[in-house]
Amino acid sequence: MKMKILSLILIMVTLMAPIYAHGVHISTSTDAQVVIIADESTAALAQKVATESSITVEVFEFTSLSQVSHELDHIINDYNLKVVAVAYQDTVQEFISQNPEAKEQIRISSADEEDIKNNIQELAGENTTTSINENAKEDNFMVLFLAGILIGLIAGLGAGVFFMQRKTTKKD
């Protein structure tokens, strides 16, 4: 009996894992309109510009090229995420050349306060509520909604079988 319960729990956990297995990437804790990619030397300047800006900006400090390129891969899926690259400019330029569709989401900026401000304003001024973005949001909602229904259905069926089996065993 305990083995059945453990098996049921194991099945439920393995079904949920693919949905949330990828972890956290560039996702803003606030409703940031623009994200700044910085390194140790440019993070302080970027943070200063972000605090002075009337636009909601979040600064991410990266420590390696591989981190930046990995996170840039996830930007393609989030049409609302706008990025200003103050550091790792070669990596970002290479990413843009390989993924031209991300060109509208990413700006490369020098480590100059005025240049960073201009790039932030340019990105924030663009229309982010296109039909593509709305469709992407609806698709993301439907995927999560259907995954939740599927998990609930499987858990409900498992619990139903468990309780029905327990009920019939008590009668005997």
C-alpha atoms as a PDB file:
ATOM      1  CA  MET A   1       0.000   0.000   0.000  1.00  0.00           C
ATOM      2  CA  LYS A   2       2.806   2.403   0.868  1.00  0.00           C
ATOM      3  CA  MET A   3       4.499   1.501  -2.396  1.00  0.00           C
ATOM      4  CA  LYS A   4       1.404   2.588  -4.337  1.00  0.00           C
ATOM      5  CA  ILE A   5       1.332   5.937  -2.575  1.00  0.00           C
ATOM      6  CA  LEU A   6       5.020   6.502  -3.214  1.00  0.00           C
ATOM      7  CA  SER A   7       4.558   5.515  -6.865  1.00  0.00           C
ATOM      8  CA  LEU A   8       1.661   7.931  -7.235  1.00  0.00           C
ATOM      9  CA  ILE A   9       3.660  10.777  -5.686  1.00  0.00           C
ATOM     10  CA  LEU A  10       6.645   9.970  -7.883  1.00  0.00           C
ATOM     11  CA  ILE A  11       4.477  10.000 -11.019  1.00  0.00           C
ATOM     12  CA  MET A  12       2.930  13.346 -10.074  1.00  0.00           C
ATOM     13  CA  VAL A  13       6.330  14.918  -9.400  1.00  0.00           C
ATOM     14  CA  THR A  14       7.814  13.661 -12.666  1.00  0.00           C
ATOM     15  CA  LEU A  15       4.869  15.038 -14.618  1.00  0.00           C
ATOM     16  CA  MET A  16       5.267  18.478 -13.053  1.00  0.00           C
ATOM     17  CA  ALA A  17       9.040  18.678 -13.523  1.00  0.00           C
ATOM     18  CA  PRO A  18       9.101  19.422 -17.288  1.00  0.00           C
ATOM     19  CA  ILE A  19       6.886  22.454 -16.831  1.00  0.00           C
ATOM     20  CA  TYR A  20       9.124  24.254 -14.353  1.00  0.00           C
ATOM     21  CA  ALA A  21      12.453  22.494 -14.853  1.00  0.00           C
ATOM     22  CA  HIS A  22      14.230  25.268 -16.689  1.00  0.00           C
ATOM     23  CA  GLY A  23      14.743  27.490 -13.693  1.00  0.00           C
ATOM     24  CA  VAL A  24      14.931  31.239 -13.377  1.00  0.00           C
ATOM     25  CA  HIS A  25      16.438  33.378 -16.065  1.00  0.00           C
ATOM     26  CA  ILE A  26      16.233  37.069 -16.759  1.00  0.00           C
ATOM     27  CA  SER A  27      12.928  37.707 -15.128  1.00  0.00           C
ATOM     28  CA  THR A  28      12.307  40.933 -13.389  1.00  0.00           C
ATOM     29  CA  SER A  29      11.083  41.103  -9.833  1.00  0.00           C
ATOM     30  CA  THR A  30       9.337  44.327 -10.747  1.00  0.00           C
ATOM     31  CA  ASP A  31       7.470  45.273 -13.886  1.00  0.00           C
ATOM     32  CA  ALA A  32      10.666  46.542 -15.447  1.00  0.00           C
ATOM     33  CA  GLN A  33      10.357  47.878 -18.960  1.00  0.00           C
ATOM     34  CA  VAL A  34      14.079  47.627 -19.658  1.00  0.00           C
ATOM     35  CA  VAL A  35      16.852  45.361 -18.392  1.00  0.00           C
ATOM     36  CA  ILE A  36      20.506  46.429 -18.434  1.00  0.00           C
ATOM     37  CA  ILE A  37      23.260  43.857 -18.919  1.00  0.00           C
ATOM     38  CA  ALA A  38      26.307  44.987 -16.955  1.00  0.00           C
ATOM     39  CA  ASP A  39      29.538  43.632 -15.516  1.00  0.00           C
ATOM     40  CA  GLU A  40      31.469  44.590 -12.386  1.00  0.00           C
ATOM     41  CA  SER A  41      32.929  47.738 -13.913  1.00  0.00           C
ATOM     42  CA  THR A  42      29.688  49.077 -15.426  1.00  0.00           C
ATOM     43  CA  ALA A  43      27.120  47.941 -12.849  1.00  0.00           C
ATOM     44  CA  ALA A  44      27.433  51.017 -10.618  1.00  0.00           C
ATOM     45  CA  LEU A  45      26.966  53.436 -13.522  1.00  0.00           C
ATOM     46  CA  ALA A  46      24.060  51.403 -14.896  1.00  0.00           C
ATOM     47  CA  GLN A  47      22.414  51.309 -11.473  1.00  0.00           C
ATOM     48  CA  LYS A  48      22.820  55.083 -11.126  1.00  0.00           C
ATOM     49  CA  VAL A  49      21.158  55.673 -14.502  1.00  0.00           C
ATOM     50  CA  ALA A  50      18.406  53.175 -13.627  1.00  0.00           C
ATOM     51  CA  THR A  51      17.578  54.952 -10.377  1.00  0.00           C
ATOM     52  CA  GLU A  52      17.504  58.361 -12.013  1.00  0.00           C
ATOM     53  CA  SER A  53      15.319  57.176 -14.873  1.00  0.00           C
ATOM     54  CA  SER A  54      11.563  57.700 -14.847  1.00  0.00           C
ATOM     55  CA  ILE A  55      11.269  54.357 -16.631  1.00  0.00           C
ATOM     56  CA  THR A  56      11.318  51.135 -14.618  1.00  0.00           C
ATOM     57  CA  VAL A  57      14.771  49.650 -15.235  1.00  0.00           C
ATOM     58  CA  GLU A  58      16.483  46.660 -13.660  1.00  0.00           C
ATOM     59  CA  VAL A  59      20.241  46.017 -13.771  1.00  0.00           C
ATOM     60  CA  PHE A  60      21.673  42.500 -14.035  1.00  0.00           C
ATOM     61  CA  GLU A  61      25.367  42.087 -13.305  1.00  0.00           C
ATOM     62  CA  PHE A  62      26.880  39.120 -15.154  1.00  0.00           C
ATOM     63  CA  THR A  63      30.269  37.570 -14.518  1.00  0.00           C
ATOM     64  CA  SER A  64      30.901  35.547 -17.686  1.00  0.00           C
ATOM     65  CA  LEU A  65      30.255  35.480 -21.416  1.00  0.00           C
ATOM     66  CA  SER A  66      28.547  32.107 -21.154  1.00  0.00           C
ATOM     67  CA  GLN A  67      26.006  33.501 -18.678  1.00  0.00           C
ATOM     68  CA  VAL A  68      25.186  36.363 -21.002  1.00  0.00           C
ATOM     69  CA  SER A  69      24.822  34.211 -24.109  1.00  0.00           C
ATOM     70  CA  HIS A  70      22.674  31.702 -22.210  1.00  0.00           C
ATOM     71  CA  GLU A  71      20.359  34.422 -20.938  1.00  0.00           C
ATOM     72  CA  LEU A  72      20.146  36.082 -24.341  1.00  0.00           C
ATOM     73  CA  ASP A  73      18.784  32.822 -25.737  1.00  0.00           C
ATOM     74  CA  HIS A  74      15.772  33.250 -23.468  1.00  0.00           C
ATOM     75  CA  ILE A  75      15.087  36.802 -24.617  1.00  0.00           C
ATOM     76  CA  ILE A  76      13.737  35.600 -27.950  1.00  0.00           C
ATOM     77  CA  ASN A  77      10.725  34.075 -26.167  1.00  0.00           C
ATOM     78  CA  ASP A  78       9.844  37.188 -24.165  1.00  0.00           C
ATOM     79  CA  TYR A  79       8.786  39.938 -26.573  1.00  0.00           C
ATOM     80  CA  ASN A  80       8.182  42.414 -23.757  1.00  0.00           C
ATOM     81  CA  LEU A  81      11.719  42.199 -22.419  1.00  0.00           C
ATOM     82  CA  LYS A  82      13.905  45.035 -23.697  1.00  0.00           C
ATOM     83  CA  VAL A  83      17.643  44.900 -23.093  1.00  0.00           C
ATOM     84  CA  VAL A  84      20.407  47.493 -23.050  1.00  0.00           C
ATOM     85  CA  ALA A  85      23.854  45.901 -23.137  1.00  0.00           C
ATOM     86  CA  VAL A  86      26.443  48.080 -21.433  1.00  0.00           C
ATOM     87  CA  ALA A  87      28.904  45.204 -21.041  1.00  0.00           C
ATOM     88  CA  TYR A  88      29.650  42.043 -23.048  1.00  0.00           C
ATOM     89  CA  GLN A  89      28.940  43.984 -26.222  1.00  0.00           C
ATOM     90  CA  ASP A  90      30.734  41.549 -28.542  1.00  0.00           C
ATOM     91  CA  THR A  91      28.651  38.651 -27.235  1.00  0.00           C
ATOM     92  CA  VAL A  92      25.452  40.650 -27.639  1.00  0.00           C
ATOM     93  CA  GLN A  93      26.425  41.789 -31.156  1.00  0.00           C
ATOM     94  CA  GLU A  94      27.143  38.179 -32.127  1.00  0.00           C
ATOM     95  CA  PHE A  95      23.762  37.144 -30.702  1.00  0.00           C
ATOM     96  CA  ILE A  96      21.969  39.843 -32.706  1.00  0.00           C
ATOM     97  CA  SER A  97      23.725  38.776 -35.917  1.00  0.00           C
ATOM     98  CA  GLN A  98      22.626  35.167 -35.310  1.00  0.00           C
ATOM     99  CA  ASN A  99      19.084  36.162 -34.279  1.00  0.00           C
ATOM    100  CA  PRO A 100      17.980  39.200 -36.291  1.00  0.00           C
ATOM    101  CA  GLU A 101      14.446  39.003 -34.847  1.00  0.00           C
ATOM    102  CA  ALA A 102      15.872  40.080 -31.463  1.00  0.00           C
ATOM    103  CA  LYS A 103      17.301  43.298 -32.916  1.00  0.00           C
ATOM    104  CA  GLU A 104      14.213  45.281 -31.900  1.00  0.00           C
ATOM    105  CA  GLN A 105      14.554  44.144 -28.285  1.00  0.00           C
ATOM    106  CA  ILE A 106      18.258  44.786 -27.752  1.00  0.00           C
ATOM    107  CA  ARG A 107      20.391  47.925 -27.856  1.00  0.00           C
ATOM    108  CA  ILE A 108      24.142  48.072 -27.400  1.00  0.00           C
ATOM    109  CA  SER A 109      25.310  51.049 -25.383  1.00  0.00           C
ATOM    110  CA  SER A 110      28.671  52.445 -24.443  1.00  0.00           C
ATOM    111  CA  ALA A 111      29.495  52.859 -20.764  1.00  0.00           C
ATOM    112  CA  ASP A 112      28.434  56.494 -20.949  1.00  0.00           C
ATOM    113  CA  GLU A 113      25.609  57.831 -18.802  1.00  0.00           C
ATOM    114  CA  GLU A 114      23.961  59.793 -21.610  1.00  0.00           C
ATOM    115  CA  ASP A 115      24.173  56.915 -24.093  1.00  0.00           C
ATOM    116  CA  ILE A 116      22.599  54.513 -21.598  1.00  0.00           C
ATOM    117  CA  LYS A 117      19.751  56.990 -20.919  1.00  0.00           C
ATOM    118  CA  ASN A 118      19.086  57.441 -24.647  1.00  0.00           C
ATOM    119  CA  ASN A 119      18.993  53.695 -25.286  1.00  0.00           C
ATOM    120  CA  ILE A 120      16.641  53.117 -22.355  1.00  0.00           C
ATOM    121  CA  GLN A 121      14.273  55.822 -23.581  1.00  0.00           C
ATOM    122  CA  GLU A 122      14.419  54.506 -27.133  1.00  0.00           C
ATOM    123  CA  LEU A 123      13.508  50.980 -26.045  1.00  0.00           C
ATOM    124  CA  ALA A 124      10.820  52.036 -23.584  1.00  0.00           C
ATOM    125  CA  GLY A 125       9.232  54.288 -26.183  1.00  0.00           C
ATOM    126  CA  GLU A 126       8.625  51.424 -28.588  1.00  0.00           C
ATOM    127  CA  ASN A 127       5.161  49.899 -28.717  1.00  0.00           C
ATOM    128  CA  THR A 128       5.238  46.649 -26.756  1.00  0.00           C
ATOM    129  CA  THR A 129       1.583  45.736 -27.156  1.00  0.00           C
ATOM    130  CA  THR A 130       1.603  44.351 -30.653  1.00  0.00           C
ATOM    131  CA  SER A 131      -0.641  41.506 -31.629  1.00  0.00           C
ATOM    132  CA  ILE A 132       2.373  39.182 -31.598  1.00  0.00           C
ATOM    133  CA  ASN A 133       2.989  40.003 -27.942  1.00  0.00           C
ATOM    134  CA  GLU A 134      -0.662  39.534 -27.039  1.00  0.00           C
ATOM    135  CA  ASN A 135      -0.762  36.182 -28.828  1.00  0.00           C
ATOM    136  CA  ALA A 136       2.408  35.080 -27.049  1.00  0.00           C
ATOM    137  CA  LYS A 137       0.874  35.978 -23.678  1.00  0.00           C
ATOM    138  CA  GLU A 138      -2.315  34.079 -24.523  1.00  0.00           C
ATOM    139  CA  ASP A 139      -0.322  31.057 -25.684  1.00  0.00           C
ATOM    140  CA  ASN A 140       1.779  31.077 -22.512  1.00  0.00           C
ATOM    141  CA  PHE A 141      -1.358  31.279 -20.395  1.00  0.00           C
ATOM    142  CA  MET A 142      -2.994  28.405 -22.245  1.00  0.00           C
ATOM    143  CA  VAL A 143       0.068  26.179 -21.893  1.00  0.00           C
ATOM    144  CA  LEU A 144       0.219  26.754 -18.142  1.00  0.00           C
ATOM    145  CA  PHE A 145      -3.551  26.450 -17.792  1.00  0.00           C
ATOM    146  CA  LEU A 146      -3.702  23.156 -19.679  1.00  0.00           C
ATOM    147  CA  ALA A 147      -0.694  21.829 -17.765  1.00  0.00           C
ATOM    148  CA  GLY A 148      -2.460  22.662 -14.507  1.00  0.00           C
ATOM    149  CA  ILE A 149      -5.635  20.942 -15.639  1.00  0.00           C
ATOM    150  CA  LEU A 150      -3.668  17.868 -16.705  1.00  0.00           C
ATOM    151  CA  ILE A 151      -1.827  17.703 -13.384  1.00  0.00           C
ATOM    152  CA  GLY A 152      -5.080  18.164 -11.476  1.00  0.00           C
ATOM    153  CA  LEU A 153      -6.793  15.483 -13.535  1.00  0.00           C
ATOM    154  CA  ILE A 154      -4.001  12.983 -12.975  1.00  0.00           C
ATOM    155  CA  ALA A 155      -3.814  13.765  -9.261  1.00  0.00           C
ATOM    156  CA  GLY A 156      -7.604  13.537  -8.968  1.00  0.00           C
ATOM    157  CA  LEU A 157      -7.743  10.214 -10.770  1.00  0.00           C
ATOM    158  CA  GLY A 158      -4.939   8.860  -8.627  1.00  0.00           C
ATOM    159  CA  ALA A 159      -6.604  10.018  -5.425  1.00  0.00           C
ATOM    160  CA  GLY A 160      -9.954   8.639  -6.597  1.00  0.00           C
ATOM    161  CA  VAL A 161      -8.485   5.227  -7.354  1.00  0.00           C
ATOM    162  CA  PHE A 162      -6.676   5.230  -4.023  1.00  0.00           C
ATOM    163  CA  PHE A 163      -9.788   6.078  -1.996  1.00  0.00           C
ATOM    164  CA  MET A 164     -12.051   3.714  -3.944  1.00  0.00           C
ATOM    165  CA  GLN A 165      -9.572   0.884  -3.476  1.00  0.00           C
ATOM    166  CA  ARG A 166      -9.328   1.690   0.219  1.00  0.00           C
ATOM    167  CA  LYS A 167     -13.108   1.764   0.513  1.00  0.00           C
ATOM    168  CA  THR A 168     -13.520  -1.621  -1.194  1.00  0.00           C
ATOM    169  CA  THR A 169     -10.772  -3.188   0.946  1.00  0.00           C
ATOM    170  CA  LYS A 170     -12.512  -2.079   4.164  1.00  0.00           C
ATOM    171  CA  LYS A 171     -15.779  -3.782   3.100  1.00  0.00           C
ATOM    172  CA  ASP A 172     -14.033  -7.119   2.547  1.00  0.00           C
END
